[in-house]
Amino acid sequence: MQGEPRIRCNEHGKKTVYLPWARKGSGFSLHFEAMVVEMGKEMPVSAVSRIVGINEDSVWRILKYCVDDARKEQDLSDLKVLGIDAFSVETHHVYVTLFYDIKNSRVIHIEEGKDSGVFMNFMQKNPFLDARKIEHITMDMYPSYISGAQQYFPDSSIVFDHFHVIKMMNDALDRIRRKEARENEILKHTRYDWLKNSDDLSDRERDRLMSVKSIDLQTSHAYHLKIALQRLWQINAGIAESYLRKWISWASRSRMPDIINLGKTINRHLDGIMEAIKSGINSAVVEGLNNKIRTAFRRSYGFKARKYRDTIIYLVAGGLKLPPQC
């Protein structure tokens, strides 16, 4: 379709005909646009353009219109658990902050950067959001996020879940391994043996880990501390705080600076970790949505234009009813 047809009226002159199967100014039928949107969820825009026989700019206009129009209907009235995470959108540490509706598994807002100001922008751009209804906010221990959440959501409980705590433990463990590997070749090429969950190890990786972890190495001691920390989420919640305090004490006597610092960090954020255990809240939804976004970015080799980037994020992870006309 190349634009809306026009008629000549003796009384009113030339008039554009309203078409119930197309939106004004689009040049395409609603069903064609619906097909483009579905294809856009699964493949690069360049591939959609080639298959349907229109230029890429036209595909982007369809996607952006449908995403923007659907987001007008976004209802945040039942938002009780808010997720916050920094997402790398380019190389050289260029980040956006993504806001998630954990209950409904969707990205609800995108802000540039990862400072505390992203919370102010989020509130200003969502004026009908009632901050008092937000019961929990799940995030990592990034200081600017914590200060922003405390300022703009003072009645909400901040939670630090299993994923973020174990990620910090893995980072500390890997730093220790790298330092020791400079002097002990047996640790070279074993990085993922220590970082993977035991159930995810191949037989070869498991055998290699078993042969190394019994050696008196700092890496081995750090690995045992990691296993002990993982048990925190397997024991009864009633004794979890006592167990975690004992772990912190163990870490403080480890004689490993990376582990000692980690123990101090966990101690400072103990209330948020315990709240995550008591409430059962975790960031599995966040990681699942982030994986969807990364897949979309990889297949399109990234996005230079911000409007294209945000459109794709909402398209694949926004939980929108797309397209709303069909």
C-alpha atoms as a PDB file:
ATOM      1  CA  MET A   1       0.000   0.000   0.000  1.00  0.00           C
ATOM      2  CA  GLN A   2       1.476   3.364  -1.019  1.00  0.00           C
ATOM      3  CA  GLY A   3      -0.497   5.843   1.108  1.00  0.00           C
ATOM      4  CA  GLU A   4      -4.244   6.231   1.657  1.00  0.00           C
ATOM      5  CA  PRO A   5      -6.532   6.556  -1.389  1.00  0.00           C
ATOM      6  CA  ARG A   6      -8.310   9.850  -1.945  1.00  0.00           C
ATOM      7  CA  ILE A   7     -11.726  10.711  -3.342  1.00  0.00           C
ATOM      8  CA  ARG A   8     -13.145  13.884  -4.867  1.00  0.00           C
ATOM      9  CA  CYS A   9     -16.256  15.207  -3.121  1.00  0.00           C
ATOM     10  CA  ASN A  10     -18.415  17.779  -4.941  1.00  0.00           C
ATOM     11  CA  GLU A  11     -19.099  19.520  -1.634  1.00  0.00           C
ATOM     12  CA  HIS A  12     -15.802  19.198   0.246  1.00  0.00           C
ATOM     13  CA  GLY A  13     -13.244  18.673  -2.503  1.00  0.00           C
ATOM     14  CA  LYS A  14     -10.502  16.065  -2.229  1.00  0.00           C
ATOM     15  CA  LYS A  15     -10.706  13.866   0.851  1.00  0.00           C
ATOM     16  CA  THR A  16      -8.537  11.062   2.165  1.00  0.00           C
ATOM     17  CA  VAL A  17     -10.471   7.837   2.621  1.00  0.00           C
ATOM     18  CA  TYR A  18     -10.401   6.303   6.113  1.00  0.00           C
ATOM     19  CA  LEU A  19      -9.312   2.674   5.966  1.00  0.00           C
ATOM     20  CA  PRO A  20     -10.245   0.437   8.920  1.00  0.00           C
ATOM     21  CA  TRP A  21      -7.401  -1.953   8.069  1.00  0.00           C
ATOM     22  CA  ALA A  22      -4.590   0.673   8.179  1.00  0.00           C
ATOM     23  CA  ARG A  23      -3.513   3.497  10.485  1.00  0.00           C
ATOM     24  CA  LYS A  24      -3.309   6.999   9.120  1.00  0.00           C
ATOM     25  CA  GLY A  25      -0.003   7.917   7.510  1.00  0.00           C
ATOM     26  CA  SER A  26       1.471   4.440   7.728  1.00  0.00           C
ATOM     27  CA  GLY A  27       1.216   3.260   4.144  1.00  0.00           C
ATOM     28  CA  PHE A  28       0.874  -0.351   5.338  1.00  0.00           C
ATOM     29  CA  SER A  29      -1.999  -2.493   6.528  1.00  0.00           C
ATOM     30  CA  LEU A  30      -2.346  -3.331  10.216  1.00  0.00           C
ATOM     31  CA  HIS A  31      -1.752  -6.998   9.519  1.00  0.00           C
ATOM     32  CA  PHE A  32       1.419  -6.220   7.590  1.00  0.00           C
ATOM     33  CA  GLU A  33       2.667  -4.136  10.512  1.00  0.00           C
ATOM     34  CA  ALA A  34       1.755  -6.954  12.904  1.00  0.00           C
ATOM     35  CA  MET A  35       3.861  -9.341  10.831  1.00  0.00           C
ATOM     36  CA  VAL A  36       6.803  -6.909  10.831  1.00  0.00           C
ATOM     37  CA  VAL A  37       6.591  -6.594  14.625  1.00  0.00           C
ATOM     38  CA  GLU A  38       6.577 -10.372  15.144  1.00  0.00           C
ATOM     39  CA  MET A  39       9.530 -10.770  12.815  1.00  0.00           C
ATOM     40  CA  GLY A  40      11.343  -7.912  14.552  1.00  0.00           C
ATOM     41  CA  LYS A  41      11.211  -9.831  17.830  1.00  0.00           C
ATOM     42  CA  GLU A  42      13.127 -12.736  16.332  1.00  0.00           C
ATOM     43  CA  MET A  43      15.524 -11.359  13.711  1.00  0.00           C
ATOM     44  CA  PRO A  44      17.599  -8.297  12.790  1.00  0.00           C
ATOM     45  CA  VAL A  45      15.850  -5.361  11.176  1.00  0.00           C
ATOM     46  CA  SER A  46      18.058  -5.782   8.106  1.00  0.00           C
ATOM     47  CA  ALA A  47      16.692  -9.318   7.646  1.00  0.00           C
ATOM     48  CA  VAL A  48      13.094  -8.180   8.150  1.00  0.00           C
ATOM     49  CA  SER A  49      13.639  -5.440   5.583  1.00  0.00           C
ATOM     50  CA  ARG A  50      14.988  -7.894   3.020  1.00  0.00           C
ATOM     51  CA  ILE A  51      12.246 -10.485   3.526  1.00  0.00           C
ATOM     52  CA  VAL A  52       9.229  -8.144   3.427  1.00  0.00           C
ATOM     53  CA  GLY A  53      10.684  -5.940   0.693  1.00  0.00           C
ATOM     54  CA  ILE A  54      10.692  -2.524   2.364  1.00  0.00           C
ATOM     55  CA  ASN A  55      13.617  -0.348   3.472  1.00  0.00           C
ATOM     56  CA  GLU A  56      15.058  -0.513   6.970  1.00  0.00           C
ATOM     57  CA  ASP A  57      13.836   2.966   7.911  1.00  0.00           C
ATOM     58  CA  SER A  58      10.269   1.854   7.230  1.00  0.00           C
ATOM     59  CA  VAL A  59      10.735  -1.207   9.429  1.00  0.00           C
ATOM     60  CA  TRP A  60      12.102   0.960  12.239  1.00  0.00           C
ATOM     61  CA  ARG A  61       9.179   3.389  11.929  1.00  0.00           C
ATOM     62  CA  ILE A  62       6.718   0.525  12.263  1.00  0.00           C
ATOM     63  CA  LEU A  63       8.519  -0.971  15.259  1.00  0.00           C
ATOM     64  CA  LYS A  64       8.947   2.357  17.047  1.00  0.00           C
ATOM     65  CA  TYR A  65       5.344   3.409  16.496  1.00  0.00           C
ATOM     66  CA  CYS A  66       3.934   0.100  17.749  1.00  0.00           C
ATOM     67  CA  VAL A  67       6.251   0.005  20.781  1.00  0.00           C
ATOM     68  CA  ASP A  68       5.604   3.643  21.728  1.00  0.00           C
ATOM     69  CA  ASP A  69       1.852   3.241  21.257  1.00  0.00           C
ATOM     70  CA  ALA A  70       1.733   0.059  23.368  1.00  0.00           C
ATOM     71  CA  ARG A  71       3.772   1.692  26.139  1.00  0.00           C
ATOM     72  CA  LYS A  72       1.092   4.390  26.502  1.00  0.00           C
ATOM     73  CA  GLU A  73      -1.110   1.644  27.900  1.00  0.00           C
ATOM     74  CA  GLN A  74       1.525   0.477  30.407  1.00  0.00           C
ATOM     75  CA  ASP A  75      -0.105   0.018  33.793  1.00  0.00           C
ATOM     76  CA  LEU A  76       2.151   0.235  36.839  1.00  0.00           C
ATOM     77  CA  SER A  77      -0.628   0.323  39.421  1.00  0.00           C
ATOM     78  CA  ASP A  78       0.154  -3.177  40.716  1.00  0.00           C
ATOM     79  CA  LEU A  79       3.949  -2.710  40.764  1.00  0.00           C
ATOM     80  CA  LYS A  80       5.171  -4.016  44.131  1.00  0.00           C
ATOM     81  CA  VAL A  81       8.601  -5.479  43.407  1.00  0.00           C
ATOM     82  CA  LEU A  82      10.915  -3.236  41.401  1.00  0.00           C
ATOM     83  CA  GLY A  83      14.141  -4.509  39.881  1.00  0.00           C
ATOM     84  CA  ILE A  84      17.116  -2.278  39.015  1.00  0.00           C
ATOM     85  CA  ASP A  85      20.149  -3.271  36.983  1.00  0.00           C
ATOM     86  CA  ALA A  86      22.908  -1.639  34.949  1.00  0.00           C
ATOM     87  CA  PHE A  87      23.075  -2.973  31.394  1.00  0.00           C
ATOM     88  CA  SER A  88      26.062  -2.489  29.082  1.00  0.00           C
ATOM     89  CA  VAL A  89      24.860  -1.245  25.706  1.00  0.00           C
ATOM     90  CA  GLU A  90      28.221  -0.537  24.085  1.00  0.00           C
ATOM     91  CA  THR A  91      31.882  -1.308  24.581  1.00  0.00           C
ATOM     92  CA  HIS A  92      34.003   0.991  26.757  1.00  0.00           C
ATOM     93  CA  HIS A  93      31.601   0.757  29.704  1.00  0.00           C
ATOM     94  CA  VAL A  94      28.587   2.621  28.343  1.00  0.00           C
ATOM     95  CA  TYR A  95      25.630   1.708  30.528  1.00  0.00           C
ATOM     96  CA  VAL A  96      21.920   2.234  30.801  1.00  0.00           C
ATOM     97  CA  THR A  97      19.846   1.506  33.881  1.00  0.00           C
ATOM     98  CA  LEU A  98      16.916  -0.808  33.317  1.00  0.00           C
ATOM     99  CA  PHE A  99      13.879  -0.817  35.614  1.00  0.00           C
ATOM    100  CA  TYR A 100      11.944  -4.090  35.829  1.00  0.00           C
ATOM    101  CA  ASP A 101       8.534  -5.190  36.988  1.00  0.00           C
ATOM    102  CA  ILE A 102       9.585  -8.437  38.679  1.00  0.00           C
ATOM    103  CA  LYS A 103       6.067  -9.835  39.119  1.00  0.00           C
ATOM    104  CA  ASN A 104       5.105  -9.420  35.467  1.00  0.00           C
ATOM    105  CA  SER A 105       8.579 -10.125  34.069  1.00  0.00           C
ATOM    106  CA  ARG A 106       9.052  -7.005  31.951  1.00  0.00           C
ATOM    107  CA  VAL A 107      11.304  -3.988  31.439  1.00  0.00           C
ATOM    108  CA  ILE A 108       9.276  -0.895  32.267  1.00  0.00           C
ATOM    109  CA  HIS A 109      11.790   1.950  31.910  1.00  0.00           C
ATOM    110  CA  ILE A 110      15.236   2.797  30.518  1.00  0.00           C
ATOM    111  CA  GLU A 111      17.547   5.578  31.715  1.00  0.00           C
ATOM    112  CA  GLU A 112      20.993   6.630  30.512  1.00  0.00           C
ATOM    113  CA  GLY A 113      23.871   6.017  32.936  1.00  0.00           C
ATOM    114  CA  LYS A 114      23.833   4.419  36.362  1.00  0.00           C
ATOM    115  CA  ASP A 115      23.962   7.235  38.899  1.00  0.00           C
ATOM    116  CA  SER A 116      21.372   8.001  41.561  1.00  0.00           C
ATOM    117  CA  GLY A 117      19.700  10.520  39.238  1.00  0.00           C
ATOM    118  CA  VAL A 118      18.127   7.696  37.235  1.00  0.00           C
ATOM    119  CA  PHE A 119      15.590   7.282  40.051  1.00  0.00           C
ATOM    120  CA  MET A 120      14.499  10.913  39.835  1.00  0.00           C
ATOM    121  CA  ASN A 121      14.047  10.610  36.066  1.00  0.00           C
ATOM    122  CA  PHE A 122      12.121   7.370  36.496  1.00  0.00           C
ATOM    123  CA  MET A 123       9.696   9.012  38.911  1.00  0.00           C
ATOM    124  CA  GLN A 124       9.286  12.158  36.778  1.00  0.00           C
ATOM    125  CA  LYS A 125       8.550  10.164  33.626  1.00  0.00           C
ATOM    126  CA  ASN A 126       6.049   7.915  35.403  1.00  0.00           C
ATOM    127  CA  PRO A 127       3.925  10.466  37.307  1.00  0.00           C
ATOM    128  CA  PHE A 128       1.123   7.999  38.076  1.00  0.00           C
ATOM    129  CA  LEU A 129       3.459   5.578  39.851  1.00  0.00           C
ATOM    130  CA  ASP A 130       2.816   5.462  43.585  1.00  0.00           C
ATOM    131  CA  ALA A 131       6.208   4.949  45.267  1.00  0.00           C
ATOM    132  CA  ARG A 132       4.472   3.957  48.513  1.00  0.00           C
ATOM    133  CA  LYS A 133       3.165   0.789  46.878  1.00  0.00           C
ATOM    134  CA  ILE A 134       6.659  -0.488  46.070  1.00  0.00           C
ATOM    135  CA  GLU A 135       7.361  -3.063  48.777  1.00  0.00           C
ATOM    136  CA  HIS A 136      10.772  -4.330  47.651  1.00  0.00           C
ATOM    137  CA  ILE A 137      13.553  -3.179  45.325  1.00  0.00           C
ATOM    138  CA  THR A 138      16.059  -5.778  44.161  1.00  0.00           C
ATOM    139  CA  MET A 139      19.450  -4.562  42.939  1.00  0.00           C
ATOM    140  CA  ASP A 140      23.177  -5.073  43.264  1.00  0.00           C
ATOM    141  CA  MET A 141      25.214  -3.253  45.925  1.00  0.00           C
ATOM    142  CA  TYR A 142      26.151  -0.308  43.721  1.00  0.00           C
ATOM    143  CA  PRO A 143      26.268   2.716  46.104  1.00  0.00           C
ATOM    144  CA  SER A 144      24.496   5.181  43.793  1.00  0.00           C
ATOM    145  CA  TYR A 145      21.587   2.756  43.337  1.00  0.00           C
ATOM    146  CA  ILE A 146      21.258   2.293  47.076  1.00  0.00           C
ATOM    147  CA  SER A 147      21.261   6.061  47.748  1.00  0.00           C
ATOM    148  CA  GLY A 148      18.793   6.686  44.918  1.00  0.00           C
ATOM    149  CA  ALA A 149      16.427   3.983  46.145  1.00  0.00           C
ATOM    150  CA  GLN A 150      16.582   5.274  49.715  1.00  0.00           C
ATOM    151  CA  GLN A 151      15.827   8.818  48.571  1.00  0.00           C
ATOM    152  CA  TYR A 152      12.956   8.140  46.191  1.00  0.00           C
ATOM    153  CA  PHE A 153      11.537   4.940  47.713  1.00  0.00           C
ATOM    154  CA  PRO A 154      12.036   5.468  51.459  1.00  0.00           C
ATOM    155  CA  ASP A 155       9.236   3.047  52.398  1.00  0.00           C
ATOM    156  CA  SER A 156      10.596   0.184  50.272  1.00  0.00           C
ATOM    157  CA  SER A 157      12.876  -2.617  51.473  1.00  0.00           C
ATOM    158  CA  ILE A 158      16.077  -3.050  49.482  1.00  0.00           C
ATOM    159  CA  VAL A 159      17.044  -6.667  48.807  1.00  0.00           C
ATOM    160  CA  PHE A 160      20.315  -8.156  47.597  1.00  0.00           C
ATOM    161  CA  ASP A 161      19.682 -11.607  46.232  1.00  0.00           C
ATOM    162  CA  HIS A 162      21.661 -14.809  45.756  1.00  0.00           C
ATOM    163  CA  PHE A 163      22.847 -13.907  42.243  1.00  0.00           C
ATOM    164  CA  HIS A 164      24.535 -10.642  43.221  1.00  0.00           C
ATOM    165  CA  VAL A 165      26.152 -12.031  46.367  1.00  0.00           C
ATOM    166  CA  ILE A 166      27.581 -15.102  44.624  1.00  0.00           C
ATOM    167  CA  LYS A 167      28.758 -12.947  41.712  1.00  0.00           C
ATOM    168  CA  MET A 168      30.837 -10.887  44.144  1.00  0.00           C
ATOM    169  CA  MET A 169      32.167 -14.106  45.669  1.00  0.00           C
ATOM    170  CA  ASN A 170      33.105 -15.423  42.216  1.00  0.00           C
ATOM    171  CA  ASP A 171      34.840 -12.145  41.353  1.00  0.00           C
ATOM    172  CA  ALA A 172      36.924 -12.362  44.528  1.00  0.00           C
ATOM    173  CA  LEU A 173      37.710 -16.030  43.900  1.00  0.00           C
ATOM    174  CA  ASP A 174      38.825 -15.312  40.340  1.00  0.00           C
ATOM    175  CA  ARG A 175      41.113 -12.470  41.437  1.00  0.00           C
ATOM    176  CA  ILE A 176      42.779 -14.809  43.914  1.00  0.00           C
ATOM    177  CA  ARG A 177      43.170 -17.529  41.264  1.00  0.00           C
ATOM    178  CA  ARG A 178      44.714 -15.115  38.764  1.00  0.00           C
ATOM    179  CA  LYS A 179      47.305 -13.921  41.291  1.00  0.00           C
ATOM    180  CA  GLU A 180      48.281 -17.487  42.248  1.00  0.00           C
ATOM    181  CA  ALA A 181      48.347 -18.677  38.629  1.00  0.00           C
ATOM    182  CA  ARG A 182      51.302 -16.370  37.971  1.00  0.00           C
ATOM    183  CA  GLU A 183      53.413 -18.589  40.188  1.00  0.00           C
ATOM    184  CA  ASN A 184      51.550 -21.881  40.015  1.00  0.00           C
ATOM    185  CA  GLU A 185      50.871 -23.210  36.515  1.00  0.00           C
ATOM    186  CA  ILE A 186      48.464 -25.849  37.778  1.00  0.00           C
ATOM    187  CA  LEU A 187      45.859 -23.090  38.118  1.00  0.00           C
ATOM    188  CA  LYS A 188      46.126 -21.943  34.519  1.00  0.00           C
ATOM    189  CA  HIS A 189      43.122 -22.764  32.316  1.00  0.00           C
ATOM    190  CA  THR A 190      41.029 -23.692  35.372  1.00  0.00           C
ATOM    191  CA  ARG A 191      39.029 -20.463  35.681  1.00  0.00           C
ATOM    192  CA  TYR A 192      35.591 -21.889  34.955  1.00  0.00           C
ATOM    193  CA  ASP A 193      36.236 -25.001  37.041  1.00  0.00           C
ATOM    194  CA  TRP A 194      36.074 -22.770  40.133  1.00  0.00           C
ATOM    195  CA  LEU A 195      33.297 -20.444  38.954  1.00  0.00           C
ATOM    196  CA  LYS A 196      30.727 -22.911  37.664  1.00  0.00           C
ATOM    197  CA  ASN A 197      28.160 -24.560  39.883  1.00  0.00           C
ATOM    198  CA  SER A 198      29.222 -28.132  40.620  1.00  0.00           C
ATOM    199  CA  ASP A 199      26.193 -29.536  38.767  1.00  0.00           C
ATOM    200  CA  ASP A 200      27.247 -27.691  35.610  1.00  0.00           C
ATOM    201  CA  LEU A 201      30.782 -29.104  35.467  1.00  0.00           C
ATOM    202  CA  SER A 202      31.690 -31.628  32.797  1.00  0.00           C
ATOM    203  CA  ASP A 203      33.341 -34.865  33.926  1.00  0.00           C
ATOM    204  CA  ARG A 204      36.699 -33.542  32.766  1.00  0.00           C
ATOM    205  CA  GLU A 205      36.274 -30.248  34.635  1.00  0.00           C
ATOM    206  CA  ARG A 206      35.122 -32.041  37.770  1.00  0.00           C
ATOM    207  CA  ASP A 207      38.120 -34.396  37.751  1.00  0.00           C
ATOM    208  CA  ARG A 208      40.513 -31.484  37.220  1.00  0.00           C
ATOM    209  CA  LEU A 209      38.919 -29.488  40.039  1.00  0.00           C
ATOM    210  CA  MET A 210      39.060 -32.440  42.444  1.00  0.00           C
ATOM    211  CA  SER A 211      42.753 -32.911  41.744  1.00  0.00           C
ATOM    212  CA  VAL A 212      43.562 -29.251  42.409  1.00  0.00           C
ATOM    213  CA  LYS A 213      41.278 -28.158  45.240  1.00  0.00           C
ATOM    214  CA  SER A 214      42.918 -30.515  47.766  1.00  0.00           C
ATOM    215  CA  ILE A 215      46.225 -28.681  47.323  1.00  0.00           C
ATOM    216  CA  ASP A 216      47.041 -26.064  49.958  1.00  0.00           C
ATOM    217  CA  LEU A 217      46.326 -23.006  47.828  1.00  0.00           C
ATOM    218  CA  GLN A 218      44.525 -19.765  48.601  1.00  0.00           C
ATOM    219  CA  THR A 219      42.297 -20.471  45.599  1.00  0.00           C
ATOM    220  CA  SER A 220      41.216 -23.753  47.188  1.00  0.00           C
ATOM    221  CA  HIS A 221      40.453 -22.059  50.513  1.00  0.00           C
ATOM    222  CA  ALA A 222      38.467 -19.353  48.712  1.00  0.00           C
ATOM    223  CA  TYR A 223      36.531 -22.034  46.823  1.00  0.00           C
ATOM    224  CA  HIS A 224      35.512 -23.717  50.109  1.00  0.00           C
ATOM    225  CA  LEU A 225      34.324 -20.327  51.346  1.00  0.00           C
ATOM    226  CA  LYS A 226      32.242 -19.999  48.183  1.00  0.00           C
ATOM    227  CA  ILE A 227      30.617 -23.410  48.740  1.00  0.00           C
ATOM    228  CA  ALA A 228      29.880 -22.442  52.347  1.00  0.00           C
ATOM    229  CA  LEU A 229      28.323 -19.140  51.219  1.00  0.00           C
ATOM    230  CA  GLN A 230      26.117 -20.913  48.677  1.00  0.00           C
ATOM    231  CA  ARG A 231      24.666 -23.045  51.491  1.00  0.00           C
ATOM    232  CA  LEU A 232      23.106 -19.891  52.928  1.00  0.00           C
ATOM    233  CA  TRP A 233      20.228 -20.295  50.487  1.00  0.00           C
ATOM    234  CA  GLN A 234      19.768 -23.986  51.248  1.00  0.00           C
ATOM    235  CA  ILE A 235      19.422 -23.884  55.028  1.00  0.00           C
ATOM    236  CA  ASN A 236      16.369 -22.985  57.108  1.00  0.00           C
ATOM    237  CA  ALA A 237      15.629 -19.247  56.935  1.00  0.00           C
ATOM    238  CA  GLY A 238      15.363 -19.152  60.729  1.00  0.00           C
ATOM    239  CA  ILE A 239      19.075 -19.798  61.189  1.00  0.00           C
ATOM    240  CA  ALA A 240      20.269 -18.020  58.040  1.00  0.00           C
ATOM    241  CA  GLU A 241      21.364 -14.813  59.763  1.00  0.00           C
ATOM    242  CA  SER A 242      23.372 -16.680  62.402  1.00  0.00           C
ATOM    243  CA  TYR A 243      24.979 -18.791  59.672  1.00  0.00           C
ATOM    244  CA  LEU A 244      25.876 -15.729  57.585  1.00  0.00           C
ATOM    245  CA  ARG A 245      27.455 -13.964  60.579  1.00  0.00           C
ATOM    246  CA  LYS A 246      29.622 -17.036  61.179  1.00  0.00           C
ATOM    247  CA  TRP A 247      30.623 -16.992  57.503  1.00  0.00           C
ATOM    248  CA  ILE A 248      31.594 -13.319  57.784  1.00  0.00           C
ATOM    249  CA  SER A 249      33.724 -14.154  60.828  1.00  0.00           C
ATOM    250  CA  TRP A 250      35.373 -16.998  58.897  1.00  0.00           C
ATOM    251  CA  ALA A 251      36.064 -14.644  55.968  1.00  0.00           C
ATOM    252  CA  SER A 252      37.631 -12.053  58.297  1.00  0.00           C
ATOM    253  CA  ARG A 253      40.199 -14.641  59.443  1.00  0.00           C
ATOM    254  CA  SER A 254      40.991 -15.947  55.951  1.00  0.00           C
ATOM    255  CA  ARG A 255      44.175 -13.864  55.507  1.00  0.00           C
ATOM    256  CA  MET A 256      43.031 -13.194  51.937  1.00  0.00           C
ATOM    257  CA  PRO A 257      42.410  -9.439  51.372  1.00  0.00           C
ATOM    258  CA  ASP A 258      39.834 -10.050  48.629  1.00  0.00           C
ATOM    259  CA  ILE A 259      37.812 -12.336  50.893  1.00  0.00           C
ATOM    260  CA  ILE A 260      38.209 -10.067  53.930  1.00  0.00           C
ATOM    261  CA  ASN A 261      36.885  -7.099  51.898  1.00  0.00           C
ATOM    262  CA  LEU A 262      34.020  -9.213  50.605  1.00  0.00           C
ATOM    263  CA  GLY A 263      33.101 -10.170  54.158  1.00  0.00           C
ATOM    264  CA  LYS A 264      33.018  -6.492  55.138  1.00  0.00           C
ATOM    265  CA  THR A 265      30.803  -5.680  52.149  1.00  0.00           C
ATOM    266  CA  ILE A 266      28.388  -8.487  52.988  1.00  0.00           C
ATOM    267  CA  ASN A 267      28.310  -7.363  56.622  1.00  0.00           C
ATOM    268  CA  ARG A 268      27.386  -3.797  55.572  1.00  0.00           C
ATOM    269  CA  HIS A 269      24.535  -5.109  53.445  1.00  0.00           C
ATOM    270  CA  LEU A 270      23.448  -7.947  55.714  1.00  0.00           C
ATOM    271  CA  ASP A 271      19.921  -6.582  56.239  1.00  0.00           C
ATOM    272  CA  GLY A 272      19.244  -6.509  52.498  1.00  0.00           C
ATOM    273  CA  ILE A 273      20.569 -10.043  52.026  1.00  0.00           C
ATOM    274  CA  MET A 274      18.418 -11.343  54.869  1.00  0.00           C
ATOM    275  CA  GLU A 275      15.365  -9.547  53.478  1.00  0.00           C
ATOM    276  CA  ALA A 276      15.895 -11.322  50.150  1.00  0.00           C
ATOM    277  CA  ILE A 277      16.025 -14.691  51.934  1.00  0.00           C
ATOM    278  CA  LYS A 278      12.925 -13.994  54.033  1.00  0.00           C
ATOM    279  CA  SER A 279      10.882 -12.630  51.126  1.00  0.00           C
ATOM    280  CA  GLY A 280      12.091 -15.184  48.586  1.00  0.00           C
ATOM    281  CA  ILE A 281      12.728 -12.392  46.081  1.00  0.00           C
ATOM    282  CA  ASN A 282      15.480 -12.924  43.526  1.00  0.00           C
ATOM    283  CA  SER A 283      16.670 -11.416  40.256  1.00  0.00           C
ATOM    284  CA  ALA A 284      16.138 -14.476  38.064  1.00  0.00           C
ATOM    285  CA  VAL A 285      13.592 -12.451  36.080  1.00  0.00           C
ATOM    286  CA  VAL A 286      16.181  -9.708  35.531  1.00  0.00           C
ATOM    287  CA  GLU A 287      18.804 -12.157  34.273  1.00  0.00           C
ATOM    288  CA  GLY A 288      16.293 -13.852  31.973  1.00  0.00           C
ATOM    289  CA  LEU A 289      15.226 -10.553  30.407  1.00  0.00           C
ATOM    290  CA  ASN A 290      18.830  -9.374  30.101  1.00  0.00           C
ATOM    291  CA  ASN A 291      19.675 -12.548  28.191  1.00  0.00           C
ATOM    292  CA  LYS A 292      16.842 -11.816  25.744  1.00  0.00           C
ATOM    293  CA  ILE A 293      18.178  -8.297  25.232  1.00  0.00           C
ATOM    294  CA  ARG A 294      21.771  -9.491  24.754  1.00  0.00           C
ATOM    295  CA  THR A 295      20.589 -11.989  22.142  1.00  0.00           C
ATOM    296  CA  ALA A 296      18.793  -9.222  20.234  1.00  0.00           C
ATOM    297  CA  PHE A 297      21.878  -7.000  20.443  1.00  0.00           C
ATOM    298  CA  ARG A 298      24.221  -9.737  19.233  1.00  0.00           C
ATOM    299  CA  ARG A 299      22.161 -10.691  16.212  1.00  0.00           C
ATOM    300  CA  SER A 300      22.022  -7.028  15.156  1.00  0.00           C
ATOM    301  CA  TYR A 301      25.629  -6.200  16.122  1.00  0.00           C
ATOM    302  CA  GLY A 302      24.461  -3.504  18.544  1.00  0.00           C
ATOM    303  CA  PHE A 303      22.587  -0.248  17.928  1.00  0.00           C
ATOM    304  CA  LYS A 304      24.212   3.139  17.434  1.00  0.00           C
ATOM    305  CA  ALA A 305      20.986   5.154  17.631  1.00  0.00           C
ATOM    306  CA  ARG A 306      19.432   5.374  21.094  1.00  0.00           C
ATOM    307  CA  LYS A 307      15.870   5.314  19.742  1.00  0.00           C
ATOM    308  CA  TYR A 308      16.558   2.046  17.909  1.00  0.00           C
ATOM    309  CA  ARG A 309      18.256   0.522  20.936  1.00  0.00           C
ATOM    310  CA  ASP A 310      15.397   1.367  23.313  1.00  0.00           C
ATOM    311  CA  THR A 311      12.799   0.198  20.808  1.00  0.00           C
ATOM    312  CA  ILE A 312      14.446  -3.224  20.612  1.00  0.00           C
ATOM    313  CA  ILE A 313      14.732  -3.504  24.405  1.00  0.00           C
ATOM    314  CA  TYR A 314      11.033  -2.803  24.873  1.00  0.00           C
ATOM    315  CA  LEU A 315      10.137  -4.985  21.915  1.00  0.00           C
ATOM    316  CA  VAL A 316      11.824  -8.146  23.236  1.00  0.00           C
ATOM    317  CA  ALA A 317      11.590  -7.546  27.007  1.00  0.00           C
ATOM    318  CA  GLY A 318       8.835  -5.008  27.619  1.00  0.00           C
ATOM    319  CA  GLY A 319       5.962  -7.457  27.938  1.00  0.00           C
ATOM    320  CA  LEU A 320       3.901  -5.226  25.664  1.00  0.00           C
ATOM    321  CA  LYS A 321       0.736  -6.167  23.798  1.00  0.00           C
ATOM    322  CA  LEU A 322       2.055  -5.786  20.270  1.00  0.00           C
ATOM    323  CA  PRO A 323       0.719  -4.496  18.038  1.00  0.00           C
ATOM    324  CA  PRO A 324      -2.227  -3.108  20.007  1.00  0.00           C
ATOM    325  CA  GLN A 325      -4.408  -2.628  16.908  1.00  0.00           C
ATOM    326  CA  CYS A 326      -4.680  -6.307  15.965  1.00  0.00           C
END
